[in-house]
């Protein structure tokens, strides 16, 4: 029998871990959007190997930060990327 125990992370460590993972996902999303600005969120989720809600949360955060912007409608629109040099690191 195998028994698994959860890691006992402090709230600070847990928040840092979420931030690091979220930033990595956001960078991967921006990279994919720069390749294909018309990619659908469902395609991003499949390509990046994460759930659709994770993609939606990350993209909403990017929109709120002004890093990406949706141009046009749902069907024929595209994602416009607004990055500073500091965002590329």
N, C-alpha and C. Protein backbone atom coordinates (compact mmCIF):
# COMPACT_ATOMS: atom_id res chain seq x y z
N UNK A 1 0.84 -1.17 0.00
CA UNK A 1 0.00 0.00 0.00
C UNK A 1 0.90 1.24 0.00
N UNK A 2 0.53 2.20 -0.84
CA UNK A 2 1.27 3.45 -0.93
C UNK A 2 0.43 4.55 -0.29
N UNK A 3 1.06 5.32 0.56
CA UNK A 3 0.35 6.40 1.23
C UNK A 3 1.01 7.72 0.85
N UNK A 4 0.19 8.66 0.39
CA UNK A 4 0.70 9.98 0.01
C UNK A 4 0.28 10.99 1.06
N UNK A 5 1.18 11.89 1.36
CA UNK A 5 0.83 12.97 2.27
C UNK A 5 1.03 14.29 1.55
N UNK A 6 0.17 15.23 1.84
CA UNK A 6 0.24 16.54 1.21
C UNK A 6 1.40 17.33 1.80
N UNK A 7 1.97 18.19 0.96
CA UNK A 7 3.02 19.07 1.45
C UNK A 7 2.41 20.08 2.40
N UNK A 8 3.11 20.37 3.44
CA UNK A 8 2.64 21.35 4.41
C UNK A 8 3.30 22.70 4.09
N UNK A 9 2.69 23.44 3.16
CA UNK A 9 3.23 24.72 2.75
C UNK A 9 2.58 25.85 3.54
N UNK A 10 3.37 26.83 3.87
CA UNK A 10 2.79 28.01 4.51
C UNK A 10 2.00 28.78 3.46
N UNK A 11 1.14 29.67 3.92
CA UNK A 11 0.35 30.48 2.99
C UNK A 11 1.27 31.27 2.07
N UNK A 12 2.36 31.82 2.58
CA UNK A 12 3.30 32.57 1.77
C UNK A 12 3.91 31.69 0.68
N UNK A 13 4.37 30.49 1.06
CA UNK A 13 4.97 29.59 0.08
C UNK A 13 3.96 29.19 -0.98
N UNK A 14 2.73 28.95 -0.58
CA UNK A 14 1.68 28.58 -1.51
C UNK A 14 1.40 29.72 -2.49
N UNK A 15 1.34 30.97 -2.00
CA UNK A 15 1.10 32.12 -2.86
C UNK A 15 2.25 32.32 -3.84
N UNK A 16 3.48 32.15 -3.38
CA UNK A 16 4.65 32.29 -4.25
C UNK A 16 4.62 31.23 -5.34
N UNK A 17 4.30 30.00 -4.98
CA UNK A 17 4.22 28.91 -5.94
C UNK A 17 3.17 29.20 -6.99
N UNK A 18 1.99 29.68 -6.58
CA UNK A 18 0.94 30.02 -7.54
C UNK A 18 1.38 31.14 -8.47
N UNK A 19 2.06 32.16 -7.93
CA UNK A 19 2.54 33.27 -8.75
C UNK A 19 3.54 32.80 -9.79
N UNK A 20 4.48 31.96 -9.39
CA UNK A 20 5.51 31.47 -10.30
C UNK A 20 4.88 30.63 -11.40
N UNK A 21 3.98 29.74 -11.03
CA UNK A 21 3.33 28.89 -12.02
C UNK A 21 2.45 29.72 -12.94
N UNK A 22 1.76 30.70 -12.39
CA UNK A 22 0.90 31.57 -13.19
C UNK A 22 1.69 32.39 -14.18
N UNK A 23 2.82 32.92 -13.75
CA UNK A 23 3.68 33.71 -14.65
C UNK A 23 4.22 32.85 -15.78
N UNK A 24 4.57 31.62 -15.48
CA UNK A 24 5.08 30.72 -16.51
C UNK A 24 3.98 30.43 -17.54
N UNK A 25 2.77 30.22 -17.08
CA UNK A 25 1.66 29.96 -17.98
C UNK A 25 1.38 31.20 -18.83
N UNK A 26 1.41 32.37 -18.22
CA UNK A 26 1.16 33.61 -18.96
C UNK A 26 2.20 33.81 -20.05
N UNK A 27 3.46 33.52 -19.77
CA UNK A 27 4.51 33.65 -20.78
C UNK A 27 4.30 32.67 -21.91
N UNK A 28 3.87 31.47 -21.58
CA UNK A 28 3.61 30.46 -22.61
C UNK A 28 2.42 30.88 -23.48
N UNK A 29 1.41 31.48 -22.86
CA UNK A 29 0.24 31.96 -23.60
C UNK A 29 0.66 33.07 -24.56
N UNK A 30 1.42 34.04 -24.07
CA UNK A 30 1.87 35.15 -24.91
C UNK A 30 2.72 34.63 -26.06
N UNK A 31 3.58 33.65 -25.79
CA UNK A 31 4.40 33.07 -26.84
C UNK A 31 3.54 32.46 -27.93
N UNK A 32 2.54 31.71 -27.53
CA UNK A 32 1.65 31.06 -28.51
C UNK A 32 0.82 32.10 -29.25
N UNK A 33 0.36 33.15 -28.56
CA UNK A 33 -0.41 34.21 -29.22
C UNK A 33 0.44 34.97 -30.23
N UNK A 34 1.73 35.10 -29.97
CA UNK A 34 2.61 35.79 -30.92
C UNK A 34 2.79 34.95 -32.19
N UNK A 35 2.66 33.64 -32.08
CA UNK A 35 2.73 32.76 -33.24
C UNK A 35 1.43 32.78 -34.04
N UNK A 36 0.30 32.80 -33.31
CA UNK A 36 -1.01 32.75 -33.96
C UNK A 36 -1.99 33.57 -33.12
N UNK A 37 -2.26 34.78 -33.57
CA UNK A 37 -3.11 35.69 -32.79
C UNK A 37 -4.59 35.31 -32.83
N UNK A 38 -4.95 34.38 -33.70
CA UNK A 38 -6.36 33.97 -33.82
C UNK A 38 -6.66 32.65 -33.12
N UNK A 39 -5.72 32.15 -32.35
CA UNK A 39 -5.89 30.86 -31.68
C UNK A 39 -7.02 30.95 -30.66
N UNK A 40 -7.80 29.89 -30.55
CA UNK A 40 -8.90 29.84 -29.59
C UNK A 40 -8.38 29.41 -28.22
N UNK A 41 -9.11 29.80 -27.19
CA UNK A 41 -8.70 29.43 -25.83
C UNK A 41 -8.70 27.92 -25.66
N UNK A 42 -9.66 27.24 -26.26
CA UNK A 42 -9.71 25.78 -26.14
C UNK A 42 -8.48 25.13 -26.81
N UNK A 43 -8.02 25.71 -27.92
CA UNK A 43 -6.82 25.21 -28.58
C UNK A 43 -5.58 25.47 -27.73
N UNK A 44 -5.54 26.65 -27.09
CA UNK A 44 -4.43 26.95 -26.18
C UNK A 44 -4.37 25.94 -25.05
N UNK A 45 -5.53 25.65 -24.47
CA UNK A 45 -5.58 24.70 -23.35
C UNK A 45 -5.04 23.34 -23.77
N UNK A 46 -5.45 22.88 -24.94
CA UNK A 46 -5.00 21.58 -25.43
C UNK A 46 -3.50 21.61 -25.74
N UNK A 47 -3.03 22.66 -26.40
CA UNK A 47 -1.63 22.77 -26.77
C UNK A 47 -0.72 22.87 -25.54
N UNK A 48 -1.14 23.67 -24.55
CA UNK A 48 -0.31 23.89 -23.36
C UNK A 48 -0.51 22.82 -22.28
N UNK A 49 -1.52 21.98 -22.45
CA UNK A 49 -1.75 20.89 -21.51
C UNK A 49 -2.31 21.33 -20.18
N UNK A 50 -3.14 22.37 -20.19
CA UNK A 50 -3.80 22.84 -18.98
C UNK A 50 -5.30 22.93 -19.23
N UNK A 51 -6.06 23.14 -18.18
CA UNK A 51 -7.50 23.20 -18.32
C UNK A 51 -7.94 24.53 -18.95
N UNK A 52 -9.11 24.51 -19.56
CA UNK A 52 -9.67 25.73 -20.15
C UNK A 52 -9.88 26.82 -19.10
N UNK A 53 -10.41 26.51 -17.90
CA UNK A 53 -10.53 27.57 -16.89
C UNK A 53 -9.19 28.21 -16.50
N UNK A 54 -8.10 27.42 -16.49
CA UNK A 54 -6.78 27.98 -16.20
C UNK A 54 -6.36 28.97 -17.28
N UNK A 55 -6.61 28.63 -18.53
CA UNK A 55 -6.32 29.54 -19.64
C UNK A 55 -7.14 30.80 -19.51
N UNK A 56 -8.43 30.65 -19.21
CA UNK A 56 -9.32 31.80 -19.10
C UNK A 56 -8.88 32.73 -17.97
N UNK A 57 -8.50 32.17 -16.83
CA UNK A 57 -8.03 32.99 -15.70
C UNK A 57 -6.75 33.74 -16.06
N UNK A 58 -5.81 33.04 -16.67
CA UNK A 58 -4.54 33.65 -17.03
C UNK A 58 -4.74 34.75 -18.08
N UNK A 59 -5.61 34.50 -19.05
CA UNK A 59 -5.84 35.50 -20.09
C UNK A 59 -6.59 36.71 -19.55
N UNK A 60 -7.48 36.49 -18.60
CA UNK A 60 -8.18 37.62 -17.97
C UNK A 60 -7.18 38.48 -17.21
N UNK A 61 -6.23 37.83 -16.53
CA UNK A 61 -5.20 38.57 -15.82
C UNK A 61 -4.34 39.38 -16.80
N UNK A 62 -3.99 38.78 -17.93
CA UNK A 62 -3.21 39.47 -18.95
C UNK A 62 -3.97 40.67 -19.53
N UNK A 63 -5.27 40.50 -19.72
CA UNK A 63 -6.10 41.60 -20.22
C UNK A 63 -6.15 42.71 -19.17
N UNK A 64 -6.37 42.35 -17.92
CA UNK A 64 -6.44 43.34 -16.83
C UNK A 64 -5.13 44.11 -16.69
N UNK A 65 -4.01 43.45 -16.95
CA UNK A 65 -2.69 44.08 -16.87
C UNK A 65 -2.36 44.89 -18.12
N UNK A 66 -3.20 44.80 -19.14
CA UNK A 66 -2.97 45.53 -20.38
C UNK A 66 -1.94 44.90 -21.30
N UNK A 67 -1.61 43.63 -21.06
CA UNK A 67 -0.61 42.95 -21.88
C UNK A 67 -1.19 42.39 -23.17
N UNK A 68 -2.47 42.02 -23.14
CA UNK A 68 -3.14 41.57 -24.36
C UNK A 68 -4.50 42.25 -24.44
N UNK A 69 -5.02 42.32 -25.66
CA UNK A 69 -6.32 42.95 -25.88
C UNK A 69 -7.02 42.22 -27.01
N UNK A 70 -8.30 41.99 -26.84
CA UNK A 70 -9.08 41.32 -27.87
C UNK A 70 -9.56 42.36 -28.88
N UNK A 71 -9.29 42.13 -30.14
CA UNK A 71 -9.74 43.01 -31.23
C UNK A 71 -10.75 42.23 -32.06
N UNK A 72 -11.85 42.86 -32.38
CA UNK A 72 -12.86 42.19 -33.18
C UNK A 72 -13.76 41.33 -32.32
N UNK A 73 -14.59 40.56 -32.96
CA UNK A 73 -15.57 39.74 -32.26
C UNK A 73 -15.04 38.37 -31.89
N UNK A 74 -15.93 37.56 -31.36
CA UNK A 74 -15.55 36.21 -30.94
C UNK A 74 -15.16 35.33 -32.12
N UNK A 75 -15.88 35.47 -33.21
CA UNK A 75 -15.67 34.55 -34.33
C UNK A 75 -14.48 34.93 -35.22
N UNK A 76 -14.35 36.20 -35.53
CA UNK A 76 -13.31 36.61 -36.46
C UNK A 76 -12.27 37.54 -35.83
N UNK A 77 -12.26 37.60 -34.51
CA UNK A 77 -11.33 38.48 -33.81
C UNK A 77 -9.95 37.88 -33.66
N UNK A 78 -9.08 38.66 -33.04
CA UNK A 78 -7.72 38.21 -32.79
C UNK A 78 -7.21 38.88 -31.51
N UNK A 79 -6.10 38.39 -31.01
CA UNK A 79 -5.49 38.93 -29.79
C UNK A 79 -4.34 39.85 -30.18
N UNK A 80 -4.37 41.07 -29.67
CA UNK A 80 -3.31 42.04 -29.88
C UNK A 80 -2.43 42.05 -28.63
N UNK A 81 -1.12 41.92 -28.82
CA UNK A 81 -0.18 41.83 -27.70
C UNK A 81 0.50 43.17 -27.49
N UNK A 82 0.49 43.66 -26.24
CA UNK A 82 1.13 44.91 -25.85
C UNK A 82 2.17 44.59 -24.78
N UNK A 83 3.44 44.50 -25.17
CA UNK A 83 4.48 44.13 -24.21
C UNK A 83 5.54 45.20 -24.11
N UNK A 84 6.07 45.36 -22.91
CA UNK A 84 7.25 46.19 -22.67
C UNK A 84 8.47 45.29 -22.75
N UNK A 85 9.64 45.88 -22.82
CA UNK A 85 10.87 45.08 -22.84
C UNK A 85 11.03 44.28 -21.54
N UNK A 86 10.51 44.79 -20.44
CA UNK A 86 10.62 44.07 -19.16
C UNK A 86 9.71 42.84 -19.12
N UNK A 87 8.67 42.81 -19.97
CA UNK A 87 7.75 41.67 -19.99
C UNK A 87 8.34 40.47 -20.73
N UNK A 88 9.40 40.68 -21.47
CA UNK A 88 9.98 39.62 -22.28
C UNK A 88 10.94 38.73 -21.52
N UNK A 89 11.31 39.10 -20.30
CA UNK A 89 12.26 38.31 -19.50
C UNK A 89 11.67 37.03 -19.02
